[in-house]
Amino acid sequence: MKILRILLWSGGALLLLALAAGLGFYERPVSFFNESMIAREFLGGIESHSLQIAGHRVHYLAEGPATGPAVVLVHGLGGHAEDWLNLARPLTRAGFRVYMPDLLGYGRSEKPRDFSFSVHDEAELVVGFMDALGIRQADVGGWSMGGGIVQHVAFRHPGRVRRLILFDSIGLLEKPQWNVHLFTPHSAAELDQLDALLMPHPPVVPAFVARDILRVSEQRAWVIDRALDTMLTGQDATDTMLPQLKMPVLLVWGAEDRIVPLSQGQTMQRMIPQSQLEVLKGCGHLVPVQCSAAIAPRMLAFLQQP
């Protein structure tokens, strides 16, 4: 009887734990997703570090042999270092050392109230990041807003960038033809509209997940709004910079991108004589996340050119 009581008590305790975990997941699915992602990174051998840059704490992920050629990848508006993990693995297998910083205001980096979050200032942060790690020169890639950031790095510090890769990148002085405020959605309907802009055939988001995404969006909206305010002024446009770039440039674009249309990638190709443009059919704006298998071989071929 004593053993039976112990088994019954243990079973009841496990049931309560399972119910509590289920309730926690229902209330905060984004937090559960983030924690599971961090656990997978740890188990997968992905390094997680932080360092101080100009008095601010910057978090970054790193993967690959310590002595391998450096690749620095910069995420976009509202993104984080993990956006690059699908592309980082084939690069590290080829011997590259991949660094994926969280920009100030994003991911696990500090969110200082006195920072502009502009393309120009985030570009200086990327240079400071390279300085802090002793990276004299690297292959540098940027996605969306991150593409605009690394264009500034390449123009102002050309000796630091061996090759430049731009994924569905902003930069040109062109006004968006969509509602930029969708980047900080306030309703499930606006979240659906944002998903439709970001990707073809977006999946259905369960109501409880959408509710938690909106909660997180509200918390970080001030960072995104401040970044958008500076971008919409056109002060960081790169139209005059692009023709002056001298390093090899790879442009990667989703054919169905509605955020930064393919026409902008084609314009950039014409402005940069030594550039090449790779267009991915069936892909939208989320190329590094959703179309990594298609682009990884082409990216490797570009980086491994003599």
C-alpha atoms as a PDB file:
ATOM      1  CA  MET A   1       0.000   0.000   0.000  1.00  0.00           C
ATOM      2  CA  LYS A   2       2.843   2.375   0.844  1.00  0.00           C
ATOM      3  CA  ILE A   3       4.409   1.835  -2.600  1.00  0.00           C
ATOM      4  CA  LEU A   4       1.009   2.425  -4.217  1.00  0.00           C
ATOM      5  CA  ARG A   5       0.581   5.703  -2.312  1.00  0.00           C
ATOM      6  CA  ILE A   6       4.066   6.811  -3.416  1.00  0.00           C
ATOM      7  CA  LEU A   7       3.269   5.962  -7.033  1.00  0.00           C
ATOM      8  CA  LEU A   8      -0.059   7.770  -6.854  1.00  0.00           C
ATOM      9  CA  TRP A   9       1.586  10.829  -5.272  1.00  0.00           C
ATOM     10  CA  SER A  10       4.363  10.830  -7.859  1.00  0.00           C
ATOM     11  CA  GLY A  11       1.883  10.477 -10.680  1.00  0.00           C
ATOM     12  CA  GLY A  12      -0.190  13.336  -9.272  1.00  0.00           C
ATOM     13  CA  ALA A  13       2.869  15.544  -8.887  1.00  0.00           C
ATOM     14  CA  LEU A  14       3.940  14.862 -12.465  1.00  0.00           C
ATOM     15  CA  LEU A  15       0.422  15.627 -13.685  1.00  0.00           C
ATOM     16  CA  LEU A  16       0.421  18.939 -11.835  1.00  0.00           C
ATOM     17  CA  LEU A  17       3.830  19.799 -13.285  1.00  0.00           C
ATOM     18  CA  ALA A  18       2.604  18.950 -16.779  1.00  0.00           C
ATOM     19  CA  LEU A  19      -0.508  21.084 -16.277  1.00  0.00           C
ATOM     20  CA  ALA A  20       1.581  23.968 -14.957  1.00  0.00           C
ATOM     21  CA  ALA A  21       3.972  23.692 -17.900  1.00  0.00           C
ATOM     22  CA  GLY A  22       1.052  23.552 -20.315  1.00  0.00           C
ATOM     23  CA  LEU A  23      -0.542  26.623 -18.732  1.00  0.00           C
ATOM     24  CA  GLY A  24       2.795  28.447 -18.820  1.00  0.00           C
ATOM     25  CA  PHE A  25       3.206  27.623 -22.501  1.00  0.00           C
ATOM     26  CA  TYR A  26      -0.332  28.811 -23.213  1.00  0.00           C
ATOM     27  CA  GLU A  27       0.255  32.109 -21.411  1.00  0.00           C
ATOM     28  CA  ARG A  28       3.790  32.794 -22.675  1.00  0.00           C
ATOM     29  CA  PRO A  29       4.531  30.701 -25.803  1.00  0.00           C
ATOM     30  CA  VAL A  30       7.137  33.215 -27.059  1.00  0.00           C
ATOM     31  CA  SER A  31       9.153  32.814 -23.855  1.00  0.00           C
ATOM     32  CA  PHE A  32       8.996  29.021 -24.152  1.00  0.00           C
ATOM     33  CA  PHE A  33      10.143  29.232 -27.768  1.00  0.00           C
ATOM     34  CA  ASN A  34      13.038  31.537 -26.850  1.00  0.00           C
ATOM     35  CA  GLU A  35      14.207  29.326 -23.995  1.00  0.00           C
ATOM     36  CA  SER A  36      14.042  26.186 -26.135  1.00  0.00           C
ATOM     37  CA  MET A  37      15.994  27.979 -28.863  1.00  0.00           C
ATOM     38  CA  ILE A  38      18.721  28.937 -26.381  1.00  0.00           C
ATOM     39  CA  ALA A  39      18.854  25.334 -25.147  1.00  0.00           C
ATOM     40  CA  ARG A  40      19.234  24.039 -28.725  1.00  0.00           C
ATOM     41  CA  GLU A  41      22.058  26.517 -29.338  1.00  0.00           C
ATOM     42  CA  PHE A  42      23.892  25.289 -26.251  1.00  0.00           C
ATOM     43  CA  LEU A  43      23.419  21.636 -27.154  1.00  0.00           C
ATOM     44  CA  GLY A  44      24.497  22.372 -30.734  1.00  0.00           C
ATOM     45  CA  GLY A  45      27.789  23.881 -29.625  1.00  0.00           C
ATOM     46  CA  ILE A  46      26.908  27.442 -30.637  1.00  0.00           C
ATOM     47  CA  GLU A  47      28.803  29.935 -28.496  1.00  0.00           C
ATOM     48  CA  SER A  48      26.934  32.736 -26.708  1.00  0.00           C
ATOM     49  CA  HIS A  49      28.938  35.722 -25.466  1.00  0.00           C
ATOM     50  CA  SER A  50      28.577  39.356 -24.497  1.00  0.00           C
ATOM     51  CA  LEU A  51      31.047  42.221 -24.629  1.00  0.00           C
ATOM     52  CA  GLN A  52      31.110  45.960 -23.975  1.00  0.00           C
ATOM     53  CA  ILE A  53      31.100  48.368 -26.914  1.00  0.00           C
ATOM     54  CA  ALA A  54      31.102  52.121 -26.183  1.00  0.00           C
ATOM     55  CA  GLY A  55      29.699  51.415 -22.743  1.00  0.00           C
ATOM     56  CA  HIS A  56      26.886  49.162 -23.932  1.00  0.00           C
ATOM     57  CA  ARG A  57      26.514  45.392 -23.549  1.00  0.00           C
ATOM     58  CA  VAL A  58      26.287  43.609 -26.901  1.00  0.00           C
ATOM     59  CA  HIS A  59      25.387  39.927 -27.138  1.00  0.00           C
ATOM     60  CA  TYR A  60      26.523  37.722 -29.999  1.00  0.00           C
ATOM     61  CA  LEU A  61      26.602  34.132 -31.179  1.00  0.00           C
ATOM     62  CA  ALA A  62      29.663  32.525 -32.738  1.00  0.00           C
ATOM     63  CA  GLU A  63      30.197  29.229 -34.488  1.00  0.00           C
ATOM     64  CA  GLY A  64      33.011  27.562 -36.369  1.00  0.00           C
ATOM     65  CA  PRO A  65      36.769  27.031 -35.957  1.00  0.00           C
ATOM     66  CA  ALA A  66      38.441  29.857 -34.050  1.00  0.00           C
ATOM     67  CA  THR A  67      41.131  30.233 -36.735  1.00  0.00           C
ATOM     68  CA  GLY A  68      38.734  30.175 -39.692  1.00  0.00           C
ATOM     69  CA  PRO A  69      38.153  33.201 -41.944  1.00  0.00           C
ATOM     70  CA  ALA A  70      35.752  35.588 -40.213  1.00  0.00           C
ATOM     71  CA  VAL A  71      32.205  36.158 -41.447  1.00  0.00           C
ATOM     72  CA  VAL A  72      30.087  38.805 -39.687  1.00  0.00           C
ATOM     73  CA  LEU A  73      26.323  38.648 -40.290  1.00  0.00           C
ATOM     74  CA  VAL A  74      23.994  41.504 -39.293  1.00  0.00           C
ATOM     75  CA  HIS A  75      20.253  40.950 -38.810  1.00  0.00           C
ATOM     76  CA  GLY A  76      17.398  43.229 -39.803  1.00  0.00           C
ATOM     77  CA  LEU A  77      14.761  45.384 -38.105  1.00  0.00           C
ATOM     78  CA  GLY A  78      13.143  43.537 -35.212  1.00  0.00           C
ATOM     79  CA  GLY A  79      15.483  40.580 -35.737  1.00  0.00           C
ATOM     80  CA  HIS A  80      18.179  38.867 -33.699  1.00  0.00           C
ATOM     81  CA  ALA A  81      21.330  36.809 -34.073  1.00  0.00           C
ATOM     82  CA  GLU A  82      19.415  33.540 -34.365  1.00  0.00           C
ATOM     83  CA  ASP A  83      18.025  34.625 -37.741  1.00  0.00           C
ATOM     84  CA  TRP A  84      21.343  33.496 -39.259  1.00  0.00           C
ATOM     85  CA  LEU A  85      21.627  30.019 -37.748  1.00  0.00           C
ATOM     86  CA  ASN A  86      20.309  28.220 -40.841  1.00  0.00           C
ATOM     87  CA  LEU A  87      23.041  29.831 -42.953  1.00  0.00           C
ATOM     88  CA  ALA A  88      25.787  29.681 -40.332  1.00  0.00           C
ATOM     89  CA  ARG A  89      25.993  25.892 -40.191  1.00  0.00           C
ATOM     90  CA  PRO A  90      27.023  25.307 -43.855  1.00  0.00           C
ATOM     91  CA  LEU A  91      29.544  28.150 -43.533  1.00  0.00           C
ATOM     92  CA  THR A  92      31.131  26.667 -40.420  1.00  0.00           C
ATOM     93  CA  ARG A  93      31.295  23.237 -42.036  1.00  0.00           C
ATOM     94  CA  ALA A  94      33.328  24.866 -44.801  1.00  0.00           C
ATOM     95  CA  GLY A  95      35.779  26.216 -42.209  1.00  0.00           C
ATOM     96  CA  PHE A  96      34.509  29.758 -41.663  1.00  0.00           C
ATOM     97  CA  ARG A  97      34.202  31.399 -38.256  1.00  0.00           C
ATOM     98  CA  VAL A  98      30.744  33.027 -38.179  1.00  0.00           C
ATOM     99  CA  TYR A  99      29.874  35.899 -35.828  1.00  0.00           C
ATOM    100  CA  MET A 100      26.222  36.902 -35.370  1.00  0.00           C
ATOM    101  CA  PRO A 101      25.749  39.985 -33.164  1.00  0.00           C
ATOM    102  CA  ASP A 102      22.489  41.212 -31.708  1.00  0.00           C
ATOM    103  CA  LEU A 103      22.384  44.894 -32.632  1.00  0.00           C
ATOM    104  CA  LEU A 104      21.754  47.357 -29.829  1.00  0.00           C
ATOM    105  CA  GLY A 105      18.040  47.292 -29.037  1.00  0.00           C
ATOM    106  CA  TYR A 106      17.498  43.734 -30.263  1.00  0.00           C
ATOM    107  CA  GLY A 107      17.818  40.152 -29.088  1.00  0.00           C
ATOM    108  CA  ARG A 108      19.854  39.791 -25.909  1.00  0.00           C
ATOM    109  CA  SER A 109      21.787  43.047 -26.343  1.00  0.00           C
ATOM    110  CA  GLU A 110      21.235  46.133 -24.221  1.00  0.00           C
ATOM    111  CA  LYS A 111      18.392  48.495 -25.145  1.00  0.00           C
ATOM    112  CA  PRO A 112      19.693  51.925 -24.143  1.00  0.00           C
ATOM    113  CA  ARG A 113      17.172  54.770 -24.085  1.00  0.00           C
ATOM    114  CA  ASP A 114      19.811  57.273 -25.223  1.00  0.00           C
ATOM    115  CA  PHE A 115      20.734  55.445 -28.466  1.00  0.00           C
ATOM    116  CA  SER A 116      19.353  56.456 -31.871  1.00  0.00           C
ATOM    117  CA  PHE A 117      19.052  52.916 -33.347  1.00  0.00           C
ATOM    118  CA  SER A 118      19.775  54.532 -36.714  1.00  0.00           C
ATOM    119  CA  VAL A 119      21.497  52.713 -39.570  1.00  0.00           C
ATOM    120  CA  HIS A 120      24.472  55.058 -39.240  1.00  0.00           C
ATOM    121  CA  ASP A 121      24.971  54.471 -35.508  1.00  0.00           C
ATOM    122  CA  GLU A 122      24.360  50.717 -35.708  1.00  0.00           C
ATOM    123  CA  ALA A 123      27.053  50.625 -38.431  1.00  0.00           C
ATOM    124  CA  GLU A 124      29.543  52.151 -36.017  1.00  0.00           C
ATOM    125  CA  LEU A 125      28.480  49.523 -33.478  1.00  0.00           C
ATOM    126  CA  VAL A 126      29.346  46.769 -35.994  1.00  0.00           C
ATOM    127  CA  VAL A 127      32.808  48.289 -36.513  1.00  0.00           C
ATOM    128  CA  GLY A 128      33.229  48.501 -32.745  1.00  0.00           C
ATOM    129  CA  PHE A 129      32.179  44.856 -32.503  1.00  0.00           C
ATOM    130  CA  MET A 130      34.883  43.857 -34.975  1.00  0.00           C
ATOM    131  CA  ASP A 131      37.434  45.985 -33.102  1.00  0.00           C
ATOM    132  CA  ALA A 132      36.511  44.405 -29.761  1.00  0.00           C
ATOM    133  CA  LEU A 133      37.073  40.912 -31.182  1.00  0.00           C
ATOM    134  CA  GLY A 134      40.257  41.833 -33.035  1.00  0.00           C
ATOM    135  CA  ILE A 135      38.711  41.177 -36.457  1.00  0.00           C
ATOM    136  CA  ARG A 136      40.794  43.272 -38.840  1.00  0.00           C
ATOM    137  CA  GLN A 137      38.927  42.163 -41.959  1.00  0.00           C
ATOM    138  CA  ALA A 138      35.901  39.946 -42.576  1.00  0.00           C
ATOM    139  CA  ASP A 139      33.365  38.866 -45.123  1.00  0.00           C
ATOM    140  CA  VAL A 140      30.320  40.881 -44.052  1.00  0.00           C
ATOM    141  CA  GLY A 141      26.656  40.229 -44.736  1.00  0.00           C
ATOM    142  CA  GLY A 142      23.483  42.066 -43.831  1.00  0.00           C
ATOM    143  CA  TRP A 143      19.798  41.400 -44.240  1.00  0.00           C
ATOM    144  CA  SER A 144      17.131  44.071 -44.785  1.00  0.00           C
ATOM    145  CA  MET A 145      17.998  46.926 -42.367  1.00  0.00           C
ATOM    146  CA  GLY A 146      21.198  45.015 -41.608  1.00  0.00           C
ATOM    147  CA  GLY A 147      22.045  45.279 -45.302  1.00  0.00           C
ATOM    148  CA  GLY A 148      21.810  49.045 -45.087  1.00  0.00           C
ATOM    149  CA  ILE A 149      24.018  48.955 -41.993  1.00  0.00           C
ATOM    150  CA  VAL A 150      26.780  46.928 -43.645  1.00  0.00           C
ATOM    151  CA  GLN A 151      26.685  49.157 -46.734  1.00  0.00           C
ATOM    152  CA  HIS A 152      27.704  52.005 -44.430  1.00  0.00           C
ATOM    153  CA  VAL A 153      30.438  49.838 -42.905  1.00  0.00           C
ATOM    154  CA  ALA A 154      31.778  48.911 -46.356  1.00  0.00           C
ATOM    155  CA  PHE A 155      31.720  52.515 -47.587  1.00  0.00           C
ATOM    156  CA  ARG A 156      33.262  54.162 -44.519  1.00  0.00           C
ATOM    157  CA  HIS A 157      35.666  51.332 -43.648  1.00  0.00           C
ATOM    158  CA  PRO A 158      36.403  49.578 -46.972  1.00  0.00           C
ATOM    159  CA  GLY A 159      39.547  47.904 -45.678  1.00  0.00           C
ATOM    160  CA  ARG A 160      37.523  46.012 -43.087  1.00  0.00           C
ATOM    161  CA  VAL A 161      35.242  44.284 -45.621  1.00  0.00           C
ATOM    162  CA  ARG A 162      36.743  41.610 -47.883  1.00  0.00           C
ATOM    163  CA  ARG A 163      33.484  40.655 -49.561  1.00  0.00           C
ATOM    164  CA  LEU A 164      29.995  42.087 -49.044  1.00  0.00           C
ATOM    165  CA  ILE A 165      26.709  40.162 -49.133  1.00  0.00           C
ATOM    166  CA  LEU A 166      23.342  41.951 -49.135  1.00  0.00           C
ATOM    167  CA  PHE A 167      20.136  39.995 -48.513  1.00  0.00           C
ATOM    168  CA  ASP A 168      16.912  41.785 -49.556  1.00  0.00           C
ATOM    169  CA  SER A 169      18.604  44.955 -48.410  1.00  0.00           C
ATOM    170  CA  ILE A 170      17.360  48.451 -47.796  1.00  0.00           C
ATOM    171  CA  GLY A 171      19.575  51.362 -48.765  1.00  0.00           C
ATOM    172  CA  LEU A 172      18.066  53.082 -51.777  1.00  0.00           C
ATOM    173  CA  LEU A 173      16.149  56.317 -51.304  1.00  0.00           C
ATOM    174  CA  GLU A 174      12.744  54.802 -52.043  1.00  0.00           C
ATOM    175  CA  LYS A 175       9.623  55.272 -49.964  1.00  0.00           C
ATOM    176  CA  PRO A 176       8.034  51.965 -48.827  1.00  0.00           C
ATOM    177  CA  GLN A 177       4.813  51.137 -50.635  1.00  0.00           C
ATOM    178  CA  TRP A 178       3.348  49.418 -47.589  1.00  0.00           C
ATOM    179  CA  ASN A 179       2.300  50.432 -44.079  1.00  0.00           C
ATOM    180  CA  VAL A 180       5.556  50.607 -42.096  1.00  0.00           C
ATOM    181  CA  HIS A 181       3.619  50.639 -38.821  1.00  0.00           C
ATOM    182  CA  LEU A 182       2.832  46.961 -39.369  1.00  0.00           C
ATOM    183  CA  PHE A 183       6.328  46.278 -37.989  1.00  0.00           C
ATOM    184  CA  THR A 184       4.791  47.041 -34.593  1.00  0.00           C
ATOM    185  CA  PRO A 185       1.389  45.330 -34.970  1.00  0.00           C
ATOM    186  CA  HIS A 186      -1.352  46.079 -32.450  1.00  0.00           C
ATOM    187  CA  SER A 187      -3.889  43.437 -33.441  1.00  0.00           C
ATOM    188  CA  ALA A 188      -4.061  39.902 -34.786  1.00  0.00           C
ATOM    189  CA  ALA A 189      -5.282  41.315 -38.111  1.00  0.00           C
ATOM    190  CA  GLU A 190      -2.210  43.575 -38.395  1.00  0.00           C
ATOM    191  CA  LEU A 191       0.029  40.636 -37.484  1.00  0.00           C
ATOM    192  CA  ASP A 192      -1.528  38.647 -40.331  1.00  0.00           C
ATOM    193  CA  GLN A 193      -0.898  41.564 -42.701  1.00  0.00           C
ATOM    194  CA  LEU A 194       2.749  41.717 -41.623  1.00  0.00           C
ATOM    195  CA  ASP A 195       3.190  37.971 -42.151  1.00  0.00           C
ATOM    196  CA  ALA A 196       1.689  38.301 -45.637  1.00  0.00           C
ATOM    197  CA  LEU A 197       4.267  41.002 -46.422  1.00  0.00           C
ATOM    198  CA  LEU A 198       7.166  38.958 -45.083  1.00  0.00           C
ATOM    199  CA  MET A 199       6.497  35.627 -46.765  1.00  0.00           C
ATOM    200  CA  PRO A 200       4.427  33.977 -49.483  1.00  0.00           C
ATOM    201  CA  HIS A 201       1.698  31.704 -48.118  1.00  0.00           C
ATOM    202  CA  PRO A 202       2.208  32.489 -44.399  1.00  0.00           C
ATOM    203  CA  PRO A 203       1.122  29.835 -41.897  1.00  0.00           C
ATOM    204  CA  VAL A 204      -1.899  30.333 -39.677  1.00  0.00           C
ATOM    205  CA  VAL A 205      -0.807  31.642 -36.254  1.00  0.00           C
ATOM    206  CA  PRO A 206      -2.844  30.207 -33.330  1.00  0.00           C
ATOM    207  CA  ALA A 207      -4.716  32.892 -31.405  1.00  0.00           C
ATOM    208  CA  PHE A 208      -2.838  32.339 -28.140  1.00  0.00           C
ATOM    209  CA  VAL A 209       0.524  32.606 -29.944  1.00  0.00           C
ATOM    210  CA  ALA A 210      -0.574  35.770 -31.762  1.00  0.00           C
ATOM    211  CA  ARG A 211      -1.657  37.293 -28.443  1.00  0.00           C
ATOM    212  CA  ASP A 212       1.798  36.723 -26.941  1.00  0.00           C
ATOM    213  CA  ILE A 213       3.615  37.979 -30.063  1.00  0.00           C
ATOM    214  CA  LEU A 214       1.608  41.201 -29.769  1.00  0.00           C
ATOM    215  CA  ARG A 215       2.568  41.489 -26.095  1.00  0.00           C
ATOM    216  CA  VAL A 216       6.269  41.226 -26.964  1.00  0.00           C
ATOM    217  CA  SER A 217       5.826  43.582 -29.914  1.00  0.00           C
ATOM    218  CA  GLU A 218       4.374  46.234 -27.650  1.00  0.00           C
ATOM    219  CA  GLN A 219       7.383  45.996 -25.317  1.00  0.00           C
ATOM    220  CA  ARG A 220       9.933  46.576 -28.088  1.00  0.00           C
ATOM    221  CA  ALA A 221       7.884  48.938 -30.268  1.00  0.00           C
ATOM    222  CA  TRP A 222       9.771  52.027 -29.089  1.00  0.00           C
ATOM    223  CA  VAL A 223      13.055  50.659 -30.483  1.00  0.00           C
ATOM    224  CA  ILE A 224      11.566  49.806 -33.867  1.00  0.00           C
ATOM    225  CA  ASP A 225       9.666  53.091 -34.074  1.00  0.00           C
ATOM    226  CA  ARG A 226      12.851  55.050 -33.380  1.00  0.00           C
ATOM    227  CA  ALA A 227      14.788  53.071 -36.000  1.00  0.00           C
ATOM    228  CA  LEU A 228      11.999  53.533 -38.574  1.00  0.00           C
ATOM    229  CA  ASP A 229      11.792  57.271 -37.872  1.00  0.00           C
ATOM    230  CA  THR A 230      15.445  57.709 -38.808  1.00  0.00           C
ATOM    231  CA  MET A 231      15.249  55.435 -41.860  1.00  0.00           C
ATOM    232  CA  LEU A 232      12.207  57.253 -43.265  1.00  0.00           C
ATOM    233  CA  THR A 233      14.076  60.563 -43.271  1.00  0.00           C
ATOM    234  CA  GLY A 234      16.352  59.163 -45.978  1.00  0.00           C
ATOM    235  CA  GLN A 235      19.392  60.425 -44.083  1.00  0.00           C
ATOM    236  CA  ASP A 236      21.105  57.033 -44.306  1.00  0.00           C
ATOM    237  CA  ALA A 237      20.303  56.276 -47.963  1.00  0.00           C
ATOM    238  CA  THR A 238      23.232  54.702 -49.806  1.00  0.00           C
ATOM    239  CA  ASP A 239      22.523  55.706 -53.431  1.00  0.00           C
ATOM    240  CA  THR A 240      25.737  57.726 -53.656  1.00  0.00           C
ATOM    241  CA  MET A 241      27.785  55.133 -51.753  1.00  0.00           C
ATOM    242  CA  LEU A 242      27.031  52.028 -53.794  1.00  0.00           C
ATOM    243  CA  PRO A 243      28.840  53.039 -57.027  1.00  0.00           C
ATOM    244  CA  GLN A 244      31.972  53.737 -54.969  1.00  0.00           C
ATOM    245  CA  LEU A 245      32.244  50.267 -53.415  1.00  0.00           C
ATOM    246  CA  LYS A 246      35.278  48.328 -54.693  1.00  0.00           C
ATOM    247  CA  MET A 247      34.985  44.939 -52.982  1.00  0.00           C
ATOM    248  CA  PRO A 248      33.085  42.007 -54.591  1.00  0.00           C
ATOM    249  CA  VAL A 249      29.363  42.218 -53.781  1.00  0.00           C
ATOM    250  CA  LEU A 250      26.746  39.454 -53.802  1.00  0.00           C
ATOM    251  CA  LEU A 251      23.099  40.539 -53.882  1.00  0.00           C
ATOM    252  CA  VAL A 252      20.595  37.898 -52.736  1.00  0.00           C
ATOM    253  CA  TRP A 253      16.889  38.526 -53.266  1.00  0.00           C
ATOM    254  CA  GLY A 254      13.619  36.726 -52.799  1.00  0.00           C
ATOM    255  CA  ALA A 255      11.661  36.999 -56.051  1.00  0.00           C
ATOM    256  CA  GLU A 256       8.439  37.539 -54.105  1.00  0.00           C
ATOM    257  CA  ASP A 257       9.781  40.070 -51.594  1.00  0.00           C
ATOM    258  CA  ARG A 258       7.085  42.674 -50.849  1.00  0.00           C
ATOM    259  CA  ILE A 259       9.090  44.586 -48.213  1.00  0.00           C
ATOM    260  CA  VAL A 260      12.103  45.421 -50.393  1.00  0.00           C
ATOM    261  CA  PRO A 261      11.048  44.457 -53.935  1.00  0.00           C
ATOM    262  CA  LEU A 262      13.370  42.715 -56.360  1.00  0.00           C
ATOM    263  CA  SER A 263      13.405  45.893 -58.474  1.00  0.00           C
ATOM    264  CA  GLN A 264      15.567  47.488 -55.770  1.00  0.00           C
ATOM    265  CA  GLY A 265      18.039  44.620 -55.957  1.00  0.00           C
ATOM    266  CA  GLN A 266      18.199  45.033 -59.719  1.00  0.00           C
ATOM    267  CA  THR A 267      18.857  48.756 -59.283  1.00  0.00           C
ATOM    268  CA  MET A 268      21.655  48.017 -56.828  1.00  0.00           C
ATOM    269  CA  GLN A 269      23.196  45.581 -59.310  1.00  0.00           C
ATOM    270  CA  ARG A 270      23.303  48.303 -61.946  1.00  0.00           C
ATOM    271  CA  MET A 271      24.874  50.730 -59.470  1.00  0.00           C
ATOM    272  CA  ILE A 272      27.625  48.295 -58.379  1.00  0.00           C
ATOM    273  CA  PRO A 273      29.499  47.126 -61.509  1.00  0.00           C
ATOM    274  CA  GLN A 274      31.334  44.273 -59.741  1.00  0.00           C
ATOM    275  CA  SER A 275      28.169  42.852 -58.137  1.00  0.00           C
ATOM    276  CA  GLN A 276      26.215  39.717 -58.949  1.00  0.00           C
ATOM    277  CA  LEU A 277      22.538  39.151 -58.226  1.00  0.00           C
ATOM    278  CA  GLU A 278      21.061  35.827 -57.128  1.00  0.00           C
ATOM    279  CA  VAL A 279      17.254  35.653 -57.262  1.00  0.00           C
ATOM    280  CA  LEU A 280      15.416  32.932 -55.354  1.00  0.00           C
ATOM    281  CA  LYS A 281      12.078  31.906 -56.799  1.00  0.00           C
ATOM    282  CA  GLY A 282       9.301  31.249 -54.320  1.00  0.00           C
ATOM    283  CA  CYS A 283      11.053  33.222 -51.572  1.00  0.00           C
ATOM    284  CA  GLY A 284       9.894  36.427 -49.915  1.00  0.00           C
ATOM    285  CA  HIS A 285      11.699  38.742 -47.539  1.00  0.00           C
ATOM    286  CA  LEU A 286      12.801  35.993 -45.119  1.00  0.00           C
ATOM    287  CA  VAL A 287      15.534  34.561 -47.360  1.00  0.00           C
ATOM    288  CA  PRO A 288      18.153  33.742 -44.659  1.00  0.00           C
ATOM    289  CA  VAL A 289      15.538  31.970 -42.525  1.00  0.00           C
ATOM    290  CA  GLN A 290      13.285  30.240 -45.050  1.00  0.00           C
ATOM    291  CA  CYS A 291      15.467  29.832 -48.135  1.00  0.00           C
ATOM    292  CA  SER A 292      18.865  29.086 -46.591  1.00  0.00           C
ATOM    293  CA  ALA A 293      19.199  25.684 -48.289  1.00  0.00           C
ATOM    294  CA  ALA A 294      18.889  27.291 -51.707  1.00  0.00           C
ATOM    295  CA  ILE A 295      21.264  30.184 -51.071  1.00  0.00           C
ATOM    296  CA  ALA A 296      23.973  28.481 -48.970  1.00  0.00           C
ATOM    297  CA  PRO A 297      25.825  26.836 -51.925  1.00  0.00           C
ATOM    298  CA  ARG A 298      25.833  30.090 -53.900  1.00  0.00           C
ATOM    299  CA  MET A 299      26.995  32.061 -50.884  1.00  0.00           C
ATOM    300  CA  LEU A 300      29.821  29.583 -50.251  1.00  0.00           C
ATOM    301  CA  ALA A 301      30.906  29.723 -53.898  1.00  0.00           C
ATOM    302  CA  PHE A 302      31.062  33.533 -53.647  1.00  0.00           C
ATOM    303  CA  LEU A 303      33.077  33.503 -50.406  1.00  0.00           C
ATOM    304  CA  GLN A 304      35.495  30.857 -51.661  1.00  0.00           C
ATOM    305  CA  GLN A 305      36.421  32.683 -54.858  1.00  0.00           C
ATOM    306  CA  PRO A 306      40.167  33.436 -55.027  1.00  0.00           C
END
